[in-house]
């Protein structure tokens, strides 16, 4: 009997200009992530950007034109909180620049594959804003020292540096990004272990060493009981 081919959902960030994020765009991305995670036919999730950009971050021009900064920040925090709670493996296909909050979305994904020309990371301090919300996934993924290398100076990482620091896993030509992402997801989805293990992974990452080991006992046993 031949194995069924894995099914992957594609969640596309599709916003104005460089796929800038406003509350409506972020709500749509969040809804698509939840729908893909709830779909029992889906084995993994690809997050990418429409056109030639991944995501240019929050629409700061709209905020400065009168948009509510709290609403924008709350929408971003709500979106970023979704990622560690998904039961399906998630890969960022960084088809173009993923800057500001776009970089934080890459950091929130399990894996990342980037085009060679992509810039990834924060630029906000260069325009007089500290990325209060967007910095959180970067710090969690990279640690304070490497995250500050980017955030503190406002210079996004090149794709090559993003690979070196662990923000992405591979750099591939644009026409190979999707295939590489599917390779990661196919491996991650084997046996269905990610359905329980992925959420536990991020929960344990927040605990102390001893507390994590204690909590892991019940989680391990739960894999063998119905």
C-alpha atoms as a PDB file:
ATOM      1  CA  UNK A   1       0.000   0.000   0.000  1.00  0.00           C
ATOM      2  CA  UNK A   2       1.466   3.344  -1.018  1.00  0.00           C
ATOM      3  CA  UNK A   3       1.759   6.111   1.532  1.00  0.00           C
ATOM      4  CA  UNK A   4      -0.499   9.130   1.138  1.00  0.00           C
ATOM      5  CA  UNK A   5       1.328  12.233  -0.030  1.00  0.00           C
ATOM      6  CA  UNK A   6       1.500  14.886   2.712  1.00  0.00           C
ATOM      7  CA  UNK A   7      -0.717  17.956   2.363  1.00  0.00           C
ATOM      8  CA  UNK A   8       0.588  21.433   3.131  1.00  0.00           C
ATOM      9  CA  UNK A   9      -1.442  24.589   3.654  1.00  0.00           C
ATOM     10  CA  UNK A  10      -0.027  27.888   2.419  1.00  0.00           C
ATOM     11  CA  UNK A  11      -0.731  30.994   4.492  1.00  0.00           C
ATOM     12  CA  UNK A  12       0.096  34.125   2.511  1.00  0.00           C
ATOM     13  CA  UNK A  13       0.759  37.535   4.028  1.00  0.00           C
ATOM     14  CA  UNK A  14      -1.031  39.801   1.561  1.00  0.00           C
ATOM     15  CA  UNK A  15      -1.055  43.446   2.558  1.00  0.00           C
ATOM     16  CA  UNK A  16      -0.524  46.897   1.063  1.00  0.00           C
ATOM     17  CA  UNK A  17       2.799  47.883  -0.491  1.00  0.00           C
ATOM     18  CA  UNK A  18       5.421  45.439   0.883  1.00  0.00           C
ATOM     19  CA  UNK A  19       2.770  43.308   2.583  1.00  0.00           C
ATOM     20  CA  UNK A  20       2.622  45.759   5.456  1.00  0.00           C
ATOM     21  CA  UNK A  21       0.693  44.669   8.508  1.00  0.00           C
ATOM     22  CA  UNK A  22      -2.445  46.385   9.726  1.00  0.00           C
ATOM     23  CA  UNK A  23      -5.064  44.895  12.076  1.00  0.00           C
ATOM     24  CA  UNK A  24      -7.127  43.476   9.192  1.00  0.00           C
ATOM     25  CA  UNK A  25      -4.128  41.823   7.530  1.00  0.00           C
ATOM     26  CA  UNK A  26      -2.928  40.348  10.818  1.00  0.00           C
ATOM     27  CA  UNK A  27      -6.405  39.047  11.653  1.00  0.00           C
ATOM     28  CA  UNK A  28      -6.570  37.364   8.232  1.00  0.00           C
ATOM     29  CA  UNK A  29      -3.172  35.692   8.680  1.00  0.00           C
ATOM     30  CA  UNK A  30      -4.153  34.523  12.144  1.00  0.00           C
ATOM     31  CA  UNK A  31      -7.452  33.102  10.898  1.00  0.00           C
ATOM     32  CA  UNK A  32      -5.683  31.252   8.088  1.00  0.00           C
ATOM     33  CA  UNK A  33      -3.142  29.771  10.518  1.00  0.00           C
ATOM     34  CA  UNK A  34      -5.877  28.537  12.843  1.00  0.00           C
ATOM     35  CA  UNK A  35      -7.894  27.109   9.959  1.00  0.00           C
ATOM     36  CA  UNK A  36      -4.874  25.229   8.601  1.00  0.00           C
ATOM     37  CA  UNK A  37      -4.093  23.870  12.050  1.00  0.00           C
ATOM     38  CA  UNK A  38      -7.684  22.704  12.551  1.00  0.00           C
ATOM     39  CA  UNK A  39      -7.835  20.980   9.149  1.00  0.00           C
ATOM     40  CA  UNK A  40      -7.183  17.287   9.789  1.00  0.00           C
ATOM     41  CA  UNK A  41      -6.058  16.792   6.174  1.00  0.00           C
ATOM     42  CA  UNK A  42      -3.177  19.272   6.575  1.00  0.00           C
ATOM     43  CA  UNK A  43       0.239  17.961   7.647  1.00  0.00           C
ATOM     44  CA  UNK A  44       2.193  21.211   7.750  1.00  0.00           C
ATOM     45  CA  UNK A  45       1.949  24.952   7.158  1.00  0.00           C
ATOM     46  CA  UNK A  46       3.947  27.216   4.853  1.00  0.00           C
ATOM     47  CA  UNK A  47       3.973  30.946   5.630  1.00  0.00           C
ATOM     48  CA  UNK A  48       5.059  33.257   2.825  1.00  0.00           C
ATOM     49  CA  UNK A  49       4.412  36.689   1.347  1.00  0.00           C
ATOM     50  CA  UNK A  50       2.483  37.761  -1.717  1.00  0.00           C
ATOM     51  CA  UNK A  51       4.514  38.942  -4.701  1.00  0.00           C
ATOM     52  CA  UNK A  52       8.201  39.699  -4.239  1.00  0.00           C
ATOM     53  CA  UNK A  53       8.130  40.544  -0.531  1.00  0.00           C
ATOM     54  CA  UNK A  54       7.630  38.468   2.595  1.00  0.00           C
ATOM     55  CA  UNK A  55       6.546  41.263   4.934  1.00  0.00           C
ATOM     56  CA  UNK A  56       7.619  44.852   5.531  1.00  0.00           C
ATOM     57  CA  UNK A  57       6.391  44.972   9.117  1.00  0.00           C
ATOM     58  CA  UNK A  58       3.725  47.138  10.698  1.00  0.00           C
ATOM     59  CA  UNK A  59       2.230  49.918   8.599  1.00  0.00           C
ATOM     60  CA  UNK A  60       3.915  52.701  10.561  1.00  0.00           C
ATOM     61  CA  UNK A  61       2.720  55.353   8.118  1.00  0.00           C
ATOM     62  CA  UNK A  62      -0.877  54.477   8.958  1.00  0.00           C
ATOM     63  CA  UNK A  63      -0.114  54.715  12.678  1.00  0.00           C
ATOM     64  CA  UNK A  64       1.515  58.114  12.225  1.00  0.00           C
ATOM     65  CA  UNK A  65      -1.485  59.204  10.155  1.00  0.00           C
ATOM     66  CA  UNK A  66      -3.806  58.561  13.093  1.00  0.00           C
ATOM     67  CA  UNK A  67      -4.032  54.794  13.473  1.00  0.00           C
ATOM     68  CA  UNK A  68      -4.223  53.497  17.032  1.00  0.00           C
ATOM     69  CA  UNK A  69      -0.749  52.188  17.961  1.00  0.00           C
ATOM     70  CA  UNK A  70      -2.230  50.041  20.733  1.00  0.00           C
ATOM     71  CA  UNK A  71      -4.559  48.314  18.268  1.00  0.00           C
ATOM     72  CA  UNK A  72      -1.677  47.607  15.891  1.00  0.00           C
ATOM     73  CA  UNK A  73       0.545  46.312  18.712  1.00  0.00           C
ATOM     74  CA  UNK A  74      -2.233  44.190  20.204  1.00  0.00           C
ATOM     75  CA  UNK A  75      -3.006  42.682  16.794  1.00  0.00           C
ATOM     76  CA  UNK A  76       0.661  41.795  16.312  1.00  0.00           C
ATOM     77  CA  UNK A  77       0.945  40.244  19.767  1.00  0.00           C
ATOM     78  CA  UNK A  78      -2.225  38.230  19.147  1.00  0.00           C
ATOM     79  CA  UNK A  79      -0.838  36.942  15.849  1.00  0.00           C
ATOM     80  CA  UNK A  80       2.565  36.032  17.274  1.00  0.00           C
ATOM     81  CA  UNK A  81       0.976  34.153  20.183  1.00  0.00           C
ATOM     82  CA  UNK A  82      -0.637  31.754  17.706  1.00  0.00           C
ATOM     83  CA  UNK A  83       2.609  30.214  16.433  1.00  0.00           C
ATOM     84  CA  UNK A  84       3.810  28.263  19.497  1.00  0.00           C
ATOM     85  CA  UNK A  85       0.289  26.908  20.034  1.00  0.00           C
ATOM     86  CA  UNK A  86      -0.089  25.366  16.576  1.00  0.00           C
ATOM     87  CA  UNK A  87       0.032  21.583  16.435  1.00  0.00           C
ATOM     88  CA  UNK A  88       1.369  21.456  12.867  1.00  0.00           C
ATOM     89  CA  UNK A  89       4.988  22.203  11.871  1.00  0.00           C
ATOM     90  CA  UNK A  90       5.411  25.650  10.321  1.00  0.00           C
ATOM     91  CA  UNK A  91       8.041  26.856   7.863  1.00  0.00           C
ATOM     92  CA  UNK A  92       8.633  30.419   6.674  1.00  0.00           C
ATOM     93  CA  UNK A  93       9.318  30.682   2.958  1.00  0.00           C
ATOM     94  CA  UNK A  94      11.140  34.007   2.871  1.00  0.00           C
ATOM     95  CA  UNK A  95      10.644  34.958  -0.749  1.00  0.00           C
ATOM     96  CA  UNK A  96      11.774  38.564  -0.194  1.00  0.00           C
ATOM     97  CA  UNK A  97      12.561  40.999   2.577  1.00  0.00           C
ATOM     98  CA  UNK A  98      11.120  40.052   5.974  1.00  0.00           C
ATOM     99  CA  UNK A  99      11.787  43.135   8.034  1.00  0.00           C
ATOM    100  CA  UNK A 100      10.507  44.642  11.273  1.00  0.00           C
ATOM    101  CA  UNK A 101       7.520  42.528  12.362  1.00  0.00           C
ATOM    102  CA  UNK A 102       8.060  40.433   9.237  1.00  0.00           C
ATOM    103  CA  UNK A 103      11.315  39.270  10.785  1.00  0.00           C
ATOM    104  CA  UNK A 104       9.487  38.373  13.981  1.00  0.00           C
ATOM    105  CA  UNK A 105       7.110  36.141  12.003  1.00  0.00           C
ATOM    106  CA  UNK A 106      10.105  34.295  10.549  1.00  0.00           C
ATOM    107  CA  UNK A 107      11.498  33.894  14.064  1.00  0.00           C
ATOM    108  CA  UNK A 108       8.160  32.518  15.292  1.00  0.00           C
ATOM    109  CA  UNK A 109       8.144  29.729  12.691  1.00  0.00           C
ATOM    110  CA  UNK A 110       9.829  26.376  13.317  1.00  0.00           C
ATOM    111  CA  UNK A 111      11.949  26.504  10.192  1.00  0.00           C
ATOM    112  CA  UNK A 112      12.908  29.096   7.614  1.00  0.00           C
ATOM    113  CA  UNK A 113      14.197  28.964   4.059  1.00  0.00           C
ATOM    114  CA  UNK A 114      15.214  32.229   2.425  1.00  0.00           C
ATOM    115  CA  UNK A 115      16.069  33.596  -0.984  1.00  0.00           C
ATOM    116  CA  UNK A 116      19.681  34.840  -1.187  1.00  0.00           C
ATOM    117  CA  UNK A 117      18.673  38.493  -1.620  1.00  0.00           C
ATOM    118  CA  UNK A 118      16.284  38.611   1.355  1.00  0.00           C
ATOM    119  CA  UNK A 119      16.942  40.916   4.286  1.00  0.00           C
ATOM    120  CA  UNK A 120      15.567  39.591   7.577  1.00  0.00           C
ATOM    121  CA  UNK A 121      15.179  41.420  10.866  1.00  0.00           C
ATOM    122  CA  UNK A 122      14.445  44.711  12.520  1.00  0.00           C
ATOM    123  CA  UNK A 123      15.065  48.193  11.162  1.00  0.00           C
ATOM    124  CA  UNK A 124      12.817  50.166  13.518  1.00  0.00           C
ATOM    125  CA  UNK A 125      15.483  51.971  15.548  1.00  0.00           C
ATOM    126  CA  UNK A 126      16.672  53.565  12.312  1.00  0.00           C
ATOM    127  CA  UNK A 127      13.312  55.352  12.089  1.00  0.00           C
ATOM    128  CA  UNK A 128      13.066  56.204  15.781  1.00  0.00           C
ATOM    129  CA  UNK A 129      10.940  53.285  17.036  1.00  0.00           C
ATOM    130  CA  UNK A 130      11.966  50.406  19.310  1.00  0.00           C
ATOM    131  CA  UNK A 131      10.279  47.119  18.242  1.00  0.00           C
ATOM    132  CA  UNK A 132       8.701  46.421  21.614  1.00  0.00           C
ATOM    133  CA  UNK A 133       6.472  43.560  20.420  1.00  0.00           C
ATOM    134  CA  UNK A 134       8.401  42.306  17.407  1.00  0.00           C
ATOM    135  CA  UNK A 135      11.594  41.833  19.432  1.00  0.00           C
ATOM    136  CA  UNK A 136      10.100  39.064  21.574  1.00  0.00           C
ATOM    137  CA  UNK A 137      10.256  36.194  19.012  1.00  0.00           C
ATOM    138  CA  UNK A 138      13.721  37.374  17.935  1.00  0.00           C
ATOM    139  CA  UNK A 139      15.020  37.250  21.509  1.00  0.00           C
ATOM    140  CA  UNK A 140      13.422  33.848  22.101  1.00  0.00           C
ATOM    141  CA  UNK A 141      14.828  32.391  18.878  1.00  0.00           C
ATOM    142  CA  UNK A 142      18.309  33.918  18.895  1.00  0.00           C
ATOM    143  CA  UNK A 143      19.046  34.847  22.493  1.00  0.00           C
ATOM    144  CA  UNK A 144      19.658  38.385  23.705  1.00  0.00           C
ATOM    145  CA  UNK A 145      23.176  38.830  22.272  1.00  0.00           C
ATOM    146  CA  UNK A 146      22.415  37.913  18.661  1.00  0.00           C
ATOM    147  CA  UNK A 147      19.000  39.566  18.701  1.00  0.00           C
ATOM    148  CA  UNK A 148      20.573  42.818  19.882  1.00  0.00           C
ATOM    149  CA  UNK A 149      23.103  42.601  17.024  1.00  0.00           C
ATOM    150  CA  UNK A 150      20.166  43.318  14.734  1.00  0.00           C
ATOM    151  CA  UNK A 151      17.620  45.157  16.887  1.00  0.00           C
ATOM    152  CA  UNK A 152      20.044  47.534  18.564  1.00  0.00           C
ATOM    153  CA  UNK A 153      21.483  48.911  15.334  1.00  0.00           C
ATOM    154  CA  UNK A 154      18.440  48.637  13.086  1.00  0.00           C
ATOM    155  CA  UNK A 155      20.292  46.831  10.318  1.00  0.00           C
ATOM    156  CA  UNK A 156      18.430  43.707   9.129  1.00  0.00           C
ATOM    157  CA  UNK A 157      20.494  40.571   8.701  1.00  0.00           C
ATOM    158  CA  UNK A 158      21.515  39.509   5.242  1.00  0.00           C
ATOM    159  CA  UNK A 159      20.235  36.054   4.333  1.00  0.00           C
ATOM    160  CA  UNK A 160      23.753  34.713   4.882  1.00  0.00           C
ATOM    161  CA  UNK A 161      23.978  36.185   8.391  1.00  0.00           C
ATOM    162  CA  UNK A 162      20.438  35.042   9.195  1.00  0.00           C
ATOM    163  CA  UNK A 163      21.594  31.517   8.344  1.00  0.00           C
ATOM    164  CA  UNK A 164      24.691  31.863  10.519  1.00  0.00           C
ATOM    165  CA  UNK A 165      22.736  32.986  13.595  1.00  0.00           C
ATOM    166  CA  UNK A 166      19.960  30.411  13.137  1.00  0.00           C
ATOM    167  CA  UNK A 167      17.101  32.643  12.066  1.00  0.00           C
ATOM    168  CA  UNK A 168      16.708  30.543   8.904  1.00  0.00           C
ATOM    169  CA  UNK A 169      17.830  26.990   8.172  1.00  0.00           C
ATOM    170  CA  UNK A 170      18.614  27.175   4.466  1.00  0.00           C
ATOM    171  CA  UNK A 171      19.241  29.636   1.655  1.00  0.00           C
ATOM    172  CA  UNK A 172      17.918  28.537  -1.711  1.00  0.00           C
ATOM    173  CA  UNK A 173      17.250  30.093  -5.131  1.00  0.00           C
ATOM    174  CA  UNK A 174      13.771  31.544  -5.418  1.00  0.00           C
ATOM    175  CA  UNK A 175      12.537  28.698  -7.591  1.00  0.00           C
ATOM    176  CA  UNK A 176      13.623  26.107  -5.010  1.00  0.00           C
ATOM    177  CA  UNK A 177      12.149  27.701  -1.877  1.00  0.00           C
ATOM    178  CA  UNK A 178       8.833  25.854  -1.930  1.00  0.00           C
ATOM    179  CA  UNK A 179      10.399  22.443  -2.566  1.00  0.00           C
ATOM    180  CA  UNK A 180      12.861  22.929   0.275  1.00  0.00           C
ATOM    181  CA  UNK A 181      10.072  24.002   2.624  1.00  0.00           C
ATOM    182  CA  UNK A 182       8.088  20.903   1.734  1.00  0.00           C
ATOM    183  CA  UNK A 183      11.129  18.722   2.463  1.00  0.00           C
ATOM    184  CA  UNK A 184      11.308  20.140   5.998  1.00  0.00           C
ATOM    185  CA  UNK A 185       7.587  19.706   6.573  1.00  0.00           C
ATOM    186  CA  UNK A 186       7.564  16.162   5.204  1.00  0.00           C
ATOM    187  CA  UNK A 187      10.283  15.164   7.647  1.00  0.00           C
ATOM    188  CA  UNK A 188       8.653  17.023  10.549  1.00  0.00           C
ATOM    189  CA  UNK A 189       5.225  15.494   9.921  1.00  0.00           C
ATOM    190  CA  UNK A 190       6.399  11.865   9.959  1.00  0.00           C
ATOM    191  CA  UNK A 191       4.447   9.673  12.338  1.00  0.00           C
ATOM    192  CA  UNK A 192       2.237  12.515  13.521  1.00  0.00           C
ATOM    193  CA  UNK A 193       4.485  13.178  16.533  1.00  0.00           C
ATOM    194  CA  UNK A 194       4.452  16.921  15.890  1.00  0.00           C
ATOM    195  CA  UNK A 195       0.762  17.071  16.732  1.00  0.00           C
ATOM    196  CA  UNK A 196       1.547  16.673  20.428  1.00  0.00           C
ATOM    197  CA  UNK A 197       5.261  17.302  20.531  1.00  0.00           C
ATOM    198  CA  UNK A 198       5.418  20.738  18.953  1.00  0.00           C
ATOM    199  CA  UNK A 199       3.251  22.434  21.572  1.00  0.00           C
ATOM    200  CA  UNK A 200       5.152  20.657  24.362  1.00  0.00           C
ATOM    201  CA  UNK A 201       8.454  21.772  22.839  1.00  0.00           C
ATOM    202  CA  UNK A 202       7.585  25.449  23.206  1.00  0.00           C
ATOM    203  CA  UNK A 203       6.056  24.969  26.652  1.00  0.00           C
ATOM    204  CA  UNK A 204       9.180  23.220  27.930  1.00  0.00           C
ATOM    205  CA  UNK A 205      11.399  25.888  26.373  1.00  0.00           C
ATOM    206  CA  UNK A 206       9.912  28.411  28.803  1.00  0.00           C
ATOM    207  CA  UNK A 207      10.603  26.297  31.919  1.00  0.00           C
ATOM    208  CA  UNK A 208      13.674  25.870  34.061  1.00  0.00           C
ATOM    209  CA  UNK A 209      15.763  22.768  33.398  1.00  0.00           C
ATOM    210  CA  UNK A 210      14.416  20.762  36.344  1.00  0.00           C
ATOM    211  CA  UNK A 211      10.812  21.909  35.898  1.00  0.00           C
ATOM    212  CA  UNK A 212      10.995  20.999  32.219  1.00  0.00           C
ATOM    213  CA  UNK A 213      12.185  17.486  32.996  1.00  0.00           C
ATOM    214  CA  UNK A 214       9.448  17.019  35.599  1.00  0.00           C
ATOM    215  CA  UNK A 215       6.752  18.263  33.225  1.00  0.00           C
ATOM    216  CA  UNK A 216       8.089  16.071  30.439  1.00  0.00           C
ATOM    217  CA  UNK A 217       7.335  12.879  32.360  1.00  0.00           C
ATOM    218  CA  UNK A 218       3.564  13.134  31.988  1.00  0.00           C
ATOM    219  CA  UNK A 219       3.880  14.410  28.434  1.00  0.00           C
ATOM    220  CA  UNK A 220       5.999  11.418  27.497  1.00  0.00           C
ATOM    221  CA  UNK A 221       3.591   8.920  29.067  1.00  0.00           C
ATOM    222  CA  UNK A 222       0.625  10.613  27.376  1.00  0.00           C
ATOM    223  CA  UNK A 223       2.004   9.590  23.972  1.00  0.00           C
ATOM    224  CA  UNK A 224       1.378   5.950  24.839  1.00  0.00           C
ATOM    225  CA  UNK A 225      -2.073   6.250  26.384  1.00  0.00           C
ATOM    226  CA  UNK A 226      -5.356   6.971  24.684  1.00  0.00           C
END
